[in-house]
Structures are given as structure tokens and as C-alpha cells.
C-alpha atoms as a PDB file:
ATOM      1  CA  MET A   1      -1.515  13.013   4.751  1.00  0.00           C
ATOM      2  CA  THR A   2      -2.566  12.136   1.257  1.00  0.00           C
ATOM      3  CA  HIS A   3      -1.971  15.721   0.303  1.00  0.00           C
ATOM      4  CA  GLN A   4       1.724  15.539   1.282  1.00  0.00           C
ATOM      5  CA  SER A   5       2.382  12.280  -0.556  1.00  0.00           C
ATOM      6  CA  HIS A   6       0.656  13.671  -3.668  1.00  0.00           C
ATOM      7  CA  GLY A   7       3.016  16.725  -3.626  1.00  0.00           C
ATOM      8  CA  GLY A   8       6.076  14.460  -3.266  1.00  0.00           C
ATOM      9  CA  ALA A   9       5.019  12.443  -6.322  1.00  0.00           C
ATOM     10  CA  ARG A  10       4.624  15.695  -8.252  1.00  0.00           C
ATOM     11  CA  GLN A  11       8.162  16.759  -7.250  1.00  0.00           C
ATOM     12  CA  ARG A  12       9.623  13.408  -8.251  1.00  0.00           C
ATOM     13  CA  GLY A  13       7.910  13.731 -11.657  1.00  0.00           C
ATOM     14  CA  MET A  14       9.403  17.186 -12.118  1.00  0.00           C
ATOM     15  CA  VAL A  15      12.922  15.885 -11.342  1.00  0.00           C
ATOM     16  CA  LEU A  16      12.440  13.302 -14.099  1.00  0.00           C
ATOM     17  CA  VAL A  17      11.380  15.959 -16.626  1.00  0.00           C
ATOM     18  CA  ILE A  18      14.317  18.252 -15.709  1.00  0.00           C
ATOM     19  CA  GLY A  19      16.709  15.274 -15.888  1.00  0.00           C
ATOM     20  CA  LEU A  20      15.426  14.383 -19.383  1.00  0.00           C
ATOM     21  CA  ILE A  21      15.838  18.011 -20.527  1.00  0.00           C
ATOM     22  CA  PHE A  22      19.449  18.061 -19.255  1.00  0.00           C
ATOM     23  CA  LEU A  23      20.106  14.731 -20.974  1.00  0.00           C
ATOM     24  CA  LEU A  24      18.694  16.130 -24.247  1.00  0.00           C
ATOM     25  CA  LEU A  25      20.876  19.269 -23.931  1.00  0.00           C
ATOM     26  CA  LEU A  26      23.994  17.171 -23.287  1.00  0.00           C
ATOM     27  CA  THR A  27      23.191  15.001 -26.318  1.00  0.00           C
ATOM     28  CA  ILE A  28      22.834  18.103 -28.545  1.00  0.00           C
ATOM     29  CA  ILE A  29      26.104  19.586 -27.234  1.00  0.00           C
ATOM     30  CA  GLY A  30      27.918  16.259 -27.766  1.00  0.00           C
ATOM     31  CA  THR A  31      26.564  15.853 -31.307  1.00  0.00           C
ATOM     32  CA  THR A  32      27.578  19.425 -32.176  1.00  0.00           C
ATOM     33  CA  ALA A  33      31.082  18.852 -30.817  1.00  0.00           C
ATOM     34  CA  ILE A  34      31.474  15.676 -32.898  1.00  0.00           C
ATOM     35  CA  ARG A  35      30.268  17.432 -36.061  1.00  0.00           C
ATOM     36  CA  THR A  36      32.630  20.363 -35.496  1.00  0.00           C
ATOM     37  CA  SER A  37      35.556  18.036 -34.873  1.00  0.00           C
ATOM     38  CA  THR A  38      34.782  16.018 -38.025  1.00  0.00           C
ATOM     39  CA  LEU A  39      34.497  19.204 -40.100  1.00  0.00           C
ATOM     40  CA  ASP A  40      37.822  20.461 -38.744  1.00  0.00           C
ATOM     41  CA  GLU A  41      39.471  17.151 -39.671  1.00  0.00           C
ATOM     42  CA  ARG A  42      38.067  17.305 -43.201  1.00  0.00           C
ATOM     43  CA  MET A  43      39.253  20.893 -43.664  1.00  0.00           C
ATOM     44  CA  ALA A  44      42.737  19.985 -42.415  1.00  0.00           C
ATOM     45  CA  GLU A  45      42.901  16.975 -44.750  1.00  0.00           C
ATOM     46  CA  ASN A  46      41.767  19.071 -47.736  1.00  0.00           C
ATOM     47  CA  LEU A  47      44.355  21.732 -46.938  1.00  0.00           C
ATOM     48  CA  ARG A  48      47.063  19.074 -46.625  1.00  0.00           C
ATOM     49  CA  ASP A  49      46.045  17.515 -49.952  1.00  0.00           C
ATOM     50  CA  ARG A  50      46.010  20.899 -51.710  1.00  0.00           C
ATOM     51  CA  ASN A  51      49.446  21.669 -50.296  1.00  0.00           C
ATOM     52  CA  LEU A  52      50.696  18.299 -51.550  1.00  0.00           C
ATOM     53  CA  ALA A  53      49.331  19.028 -55.045  1.00  0.00           C
ATOM     54  CA  PHE A  54      50.829  22.538 -54.966  1.00  0.00           C
ATOM     55  CA  GLN A  55      54.276  21.174 -54.079  1.00  0.00           C
ATOM     56  CA  ALA A  56      53.978  18.579 -56.860  1.00  0.00           C
ATOM     57  CA  ALA A  57      53.104  21.306 -59.394  1.00  0.00           C
ATOM     58  CA  GLU A  58      56.139  23.324 -58.241  1.00  0.00           C
ATOM     59  CA  ALA A  59      58.316  20.227 -58.678  1.00  0.00           C
ATOM     60  CA  ALA A  60      56.977  19.861 -62.239  1.00  0.00           C
ATOM     61  CA  LEU A  61      57.884  23.515 -62.949  1.00  0.00           C
ATOM     62  CA  ARG A  62      61.449  22.853 -61.727  1.00  0.00           C
ATOM     63  CA  ASP A  63      61.578  19.686 -63.842  1.00  0.00           C
ATOM     64  CA  ALA A  64      60.610  21.674 -66.946  1.00  0.00           C
ATOM     65  CA  GLU A  65      63.131  24.371 -66.039  1.00  0.00           C
ATOM     66  CA  GLN A  66      65.824  21.682 -66.108  1.00  0.00           C
ATOM     67  CA  ASP A  67      64.622  20.798 -69.632  1.00  0.00           C
ATOM     68  CA  ILE A  68      64.953  24.444 -70.671  1.00  0.00           C
ATOM     69  CA  SER A  69      68.373  24.924 -69.094  1.00  0.00           C
ATOM     70  CA  GLY A  70      69.734  21.644 -70.494  1.00  0.00           C
ATOM     71  CA  GLY A  71      69.964  19.864 -67.164  1.00  0.00           C
ATOM     72  CA  GLY A  72      68.084  16.785 -68.344  1.00  0.00           C
ATOM     73  CA  ALA A  73      68.265  14.219 -71.127  1.00  0.00           C
ATOM     74  CA  ARG A  74      66.561  16.568 -73.563  1.00  0.00           C
ATOM     75  CA  VAL A  75      68.275  19.707 -74.862  1.00  0.00           C
ATOM     76  CA  ILE A  76      66.029  22.554 -75.912  1.00  0.00           C
ATOM     77  CA  ASN A  77      67.603  24.715 -78.605  1.00  0.00           C
ATOM     78  CA  GLY A  78      65.465  27.752 -79.391  1.00  0.00           C
ATOM     79  CA  PHE A  79      62.146  26.542 -80.732  1.00  0.00           C
ATOM     80  CA  THR A  80      63.508  23.488 -82.566  1.00  0.00           C
ATOM     81  CA  GLY A  81      61.127  20.584 -82.110  1.00  0.00           C
ATOM     82  CA  PHE A  82      58.249  22.786 -80.931  1.00  0.00           C
ATOM     83  CA  THR A  83      54.969  22.081 -82.756  1.00  0.00           C
ATOM     84  CA  VAL A  84      51.410  23.363 -82.682  1.00  0.00           C
ATOM     85  CA  ASP A  85      50.160  20.013 -81.350  1.00  0.00           C
ATOM     86  CA  CYS A  86      52.927  19.813 -78.718  1.00  0.00           C
ATOM     87  CA  GLY A  87      54.504  16.732 -80.292  1.00  0.00           C
ATOM     88  CA  ALA A  88      51.312  14.656 -80.402  1.00  0.00           C
ATOM     89  CA  SER A  89      51.638  13.990 -84.159  1.00  0.00           C
ATOM     90  CA  THR A  90      55.219  12.692 -83.895  1.00  0.00           C
ATOM     91  CA  SER A  91      54.767   9.720 -81.602  1.00  0.00           C
ATOM     92  CA  GLY A  92      57.972   8.222 -83.019  1.00  0.00           C
ATOM     93  CA  ASN A  93      59.957  11.130 -81.543  1.00  0.00           C
ATOM     94  CA  PRO A  94      59.157  11.407 -77.820  1.00  0.00           C
ATOM     95  CA  MET A  95      61.811  14.126 -77.352  1.00  0.00           C
ATOM     96  CA  ASP A  96      59.389  16.753 -78.689  1.00  0.00           C
ATOM     97  CA  ASP A  97      56.514  15.805 -76.375  1.00  0.00           C
ATOM     98  CA  GLY A  98      55.195  18.772 -74.454  1.00  0.00           C
ATOM     99  CA  LEU A  99      56.989  21.336 -76.654  1.00  0.00           C
ATOM    100  CA  CYS A 100      54.285  23.673 -77.938  1.00  0.00           C
ATOM    101  CA  TYR A 101      54.569  26.495 -80.461  1.00  0.00           C
ATOM    102  CA  ASN A 102      51.905  28.730 -81.952  1.00  0.00           C
ATOM    103  CA  GLY A 103      53.907  30.488 -84.652  1.00  0.00           C
ATOM    104  CA  ALA A 104      56.371  33.355 -84.891  1.00  0.00           C
ATOM    105  CA  SER A 105      53.731  36.070 -84.996  1.00  0.00           C
ATOM    106  CA  GLY A 106      53.056  35.818 -81.283  1.00  0.00           C
ATOM    107  CA  ASP A 107      49.320  36.197 -81.930  1.00  0.00           C
ATOM    108  CA  TYR A 108      47.926  33.707 -79.460  1.00  0.00           C
ATOM    109  CA  THR A 109      44.213  33.688 -80.066  1.00  0.00           C
ATOM    110  CA  THR A 110      43.873  30.697 -77.748  1.00  0.00           C
ATOM    111  CA  ASP A 111      46.560  29.787 -75.255  1.00  0.00           C
ATOM    112  CA  ILE A 112      47.856  26.323 -76.069  1.00  0.00           C
ATOM    113  CA  TRP A 113      47.814  25.202 -72.432  1.00  0.00           C
ATOM    114  CA  THR A 114      44.013  25.526 -72.443  1.00  0.00           C
ATOM    115  CA  THR A 115      43.664  23.044 -75.311  1.00  0.00           C
ATOM    116  CA  VAL A 116      46.318  20.391 -74.516  1.00  0.00           C
ATOM    117  CA  ASP A 117      45.495  17.188 -72.660  1.00  0.00           C
ATOM    118  CA  MET A 118      47.344  17.666 -69.379  1.00  0.00           C
ATOM    119  CA  THR A 119      46.448  14.194 -68.080  1.00  0.00           C
ATOM    120  CA  ALA A 120      48.257  12.226 -70.816  1.00  0.00           C
ATOM    121  CA  ALA A 121      50.604  12.692 -73.781  1.00  0.00           C
ATOM    122  CA  PRO A 122      51.625  15.032 -75.302  1.00  0.00           C
ATOM    123  CA  SER A 123      52.115  16.645 -71.871  1.00  0.00           C
ATOM    124  CA  VAL A 124      55.215  15.341 -70.096  1.00  0.00           C
ATOM    125  CA  GLU A 125      55.169  13.390 -66.848  1.00  0.00           C
ATOM    126  CA  TYR A 126      57.424  14.598 -64.050  1.00  0.00           C
ATOM    127  CA  GLY A 127      60.906  13.073 -64.203  1.00  0.00           C
ATOM    128  CA  ARG A 128      60.624  11.745 -67.756  1.00  0.00           C
ATOM    129  CA  PHE A 129      63.638  13.650 -69.105  1.00  0.00           C
ATOM    130  CA  THR A 130      65.413  14.441 -65.839  1.00  0.00           C
ATOM    131  CA  SER A 131      65.304  10.962 -64.282  1.00  0.00           C
ATOM    132  CA  GLU A 132      63.816  12.366 -61.078  1.00  0.00           C
ATOM    133  CA  GLY A 133      62.099   9.702 -58.987  1.00  0.00           C
ATOM    134  CA  SER A 134      58.336   9.576 -58.549  1.00  0.00           C
ATOM    135  CA  LEU A 135      56.794  11.922 -56.026  1.00  0.00           C
ATOM    136  CA  PRO A 136      55.109  10.026 -53.161  1.00  0.00           C
ATOM    137  CA  ASN A 137      51.490  10.216 -51.969  1.00  0.00           C
ATOM    138  CA  LEU A 138      49.988  11.481 -55.242  1.00  0.00           C
ATOM    139  CA  SER A 139      47.098   9.962 -57.181  1.00  0.00           C
ATOM    140  CA  VAL A 140      49.139  10.551 -60.394  1.00  0.00           C
ATOM    141  CA  GLN A 141      52.471  12.190 -61.145  1.00  0.00           C
ATOM    142  CA  PRO A 142      52.339  15.853 -62.214  1.00  0.00           C
ATOM    143  CA  ARG A 143      52.591  16.789 -65.885  1.00  0.00           C
ATOM    144  CA  TYR A 144      53.765  19.858 -67.789  1.00  0.00           C
ATOM    145  CA  ILE A 145      54.106  21.478 -71.194  1.00  0.00           C
ATOM    146  CA  ILE A 146      56.555  24.124 -72.409  1.00  0.00           C
ATOM    147  CA  GLU A 147      55.266  26.776 -74.801  1.00  0.00           C
ATOM    148  CA  GLY A 148      57.660  28.689 -77.027  1.00  0.00           C
ATOM    149  CA  ILE A 149      56.648  32.359 -77.216  1.00  0.00           C
ATOM    150  CA  HIS A 150      58.100  35.212 -79.274  1.00  0.00           C
ATOM    151  CA  ARG A 151      57.979  38.588 -77.500  1.00  0.00           C
ATOM    152  CA  THR A 152      59.872  41.728 -78.323  1.00  0.00           C
ATOM    153  CA  VAL A 153      61.058  43.411 -75.158  1.00  0.00           C
ATOM    154  CA  SER A 154      63.304  46.445 -75.224  1.00  0.00           C
ATOM    155  CA  GLY A 155      66.757  45.721 -73.817  1.00  0.00           C
ATOM    156  CA  CYS A 156      66.593  41.984 -74.609  1.00  0.00           C
ATOM    157  CA  THR A 157      68.654  40.528 -77.421  1.00  0.00           C
ATOM    158  CA  ASP A 158      66.861  37.176 -77.343  1.00  0.00           C
ATOM    159  CA  ASN A 159      63.084  37.437 -77.733  1.00  0.00           C
ATOM    160  CA  ARG A 160      62.383  33.770 -76.946  1.00  0.00           C
ATOM    161  CA  TYR A 161      60.334  32.993 -73.908  1.00  0.00           C
ATOM    162  CA  TYR A 162      59.141  29.734 -72.511  1.00  0.00           C
ATOM    163  CA  ARG A 163      55.888  29.503 -70.598  1.00  0.00           C
ATOM    164  CA  VAL A 164      55.664  26.338 -68.534  1.00  0.00           C
ATOM    165  CA  THR A 165      52.275  25.103 -67.411  1.00  0.00           C
ATOM    166  CA  ALA A 166      52.155  22.367 -64.781  1.00  0.00           C
ATOM    167  CA  ARG A 167      49.173  20.377 -63.526  1.00  0.00           C
ATOM    168  CA  ALA A 168      49.269  18.243 -60.389  1.00  0.00           C
ATOM    169  CA  GLN A 169      46.839  16.239 -58.284  1.00  0.00           C
ATOM    170  CA  GLY A 170      47.037  15.436 -54.600  1.00  0.00           C
ATOM    171  CA  GLU A 171      46.247  12.111 -52.975  1.00  0.00           C
ATOM    172  CA  SER A 172      42.692  12.698 -54.082  1.00  0.00           C
ATOM    173  CA  ALA A 173      42.132  12.954 -57.831  1.00  0.00           C
ATOM    174  CA  ASN A 174      39.686  15.784 -57.060  1.00  0.00           C
ATOM    175  CA  THR A 175      42.459  18.026 -55.726  1.00  0.00           C
ATOM    176  CA  VAL A 176      44.029  19.725 -58.748  1.00  0.00           C
ATOM    177  CA  VAL A 177      46.555  22.586 -58.846  1.00  0.00           C
ATOM    178  CA  TRP A 178      47.722  24.434 -61.971  1.00  0.00           C
ATOM    179  CA  LEU A 179      50.843  26.605 -61.949  1.00  0.00           C
ATOM    180  CA  GLN A 180      52.587  28.640 -64.643  1.00  0.00           C
ATOM    181  CA  ALA A 181      56.022  30.211 -64.867  1.00  0.00           C
ATOM    182  CA  THR A 182      57.750  32.139 -67.626  1.00  0.00           C
ATOM    183  CA  TYR A 183      61.447  31.828 -68.444  1.00  0.00           C
ATOM    184  CA  GLY A 184      63.320  34.148 -70.769  1.00  0.00           C
ATOM    185  CA  CYS A 185      65.082  37.455 -71.091  1.00  0.00           C
ATOM    186  CA  LYS A 186      64.614  39.880 -68.246  1.00  0.00           C
ATOM    187  CA  PRO A 187      64.890  43.474 -69.391  1.00  0.00           C
ATOM    188  CA  PRO A 188      67.264  45.771 -67.529  1.00  0.00           C
ATOM    189  CA  PRO A 189      65.691  47.886 -64.777  1.00  0.00           C
ATOM    190  CA  PRO A 190      64.591  51.380 -65.884  1.00  0.00           C
END
């Protein structure tokens, strides 16, 4: 009889070991599921924040387009008021802020938008000249500059172009989107 009770104790010990292994497997599966869920949430939040910054940069492009077309408080007439430092040296005249010009030759050795501070003046904050309200859920309002560019294009009578560069941040200051658009004469189709 001792032999039978010794075998039963061995079986009960094995059930404990198998139960602990199953418990360990369930813990690993649960931890993996939590990590995956957390990663998915982070990716969704980052995508949402990037989309928010992208929409803000597009709004800044439209704001600058209103400047160019005369739909705001500032009227852009050719390249009048455009300066190499984008209006930074004329702090007494805020109407030329963000208007950048690199000369009539069109020889841009360095694009102005790469050298201008796009987080403060002389770049222009969204809504400054158009009286648009602040965009919600952003860490800061988007900013833009307008570069005056001379280009000779066949079929165009006016060789003035405006390149607008906009920079926007999402809710997080680490989410940054840059967009550019060019406005000017469109040559006739061939």
C-alpha cells in the first residue's frame, strides 16, 4: 500500500508543476497583449498628432495665400517690402515680416526658408494678417514665410513667383510638419 500512496503523491506534484507552467504561459500571453495594445495606442496617438500638425501647416499655407491674393490686412504688391532678412531688420514695420527676397538674379545659393527662424519673428504666425482665430489643440500656432522668386517661364507675362513655407507643430512640440507651395504664373499647356 505504501507504493500506491507514493505514486499518488508523485501525480499530485506533477499537477502542480503543469499548473505553474500554464500560469507562466498565461502571464506571458497577457503581458504580450498589454504591450501590443499600448504600442498600438501610441502609434495611433502619433498618427493623430502628425495629422493635426499637417492640417495646421495647410491652414498656414492658406493664410499666406490670402496675404498674396490681398484677402487679408496686408496687401502684397510685387516684391515691395520683401527683404533678404524677411523683415527682421525693420521691427518698426511689422507689415513686411515674413516677406523674403534674395535678389532679382534668381540665383538662390541657399534657400531662404532654410535659414529663417520659423519659430519666431520674422516668420508670421497664423492669422496675424487675416484675423483668423487660433487653431485648437496645438502646442504653438503654425508660422510661415513668403519668398519672392523671379523665374522666366515661356508663356508667362509676369515672372514673379511666391514660395510659401509653413511650419506647424501638433499637440506635442516634437511633432513638426513642414509644407511648401508655389504661387505664380502657370504656363499654358503645350
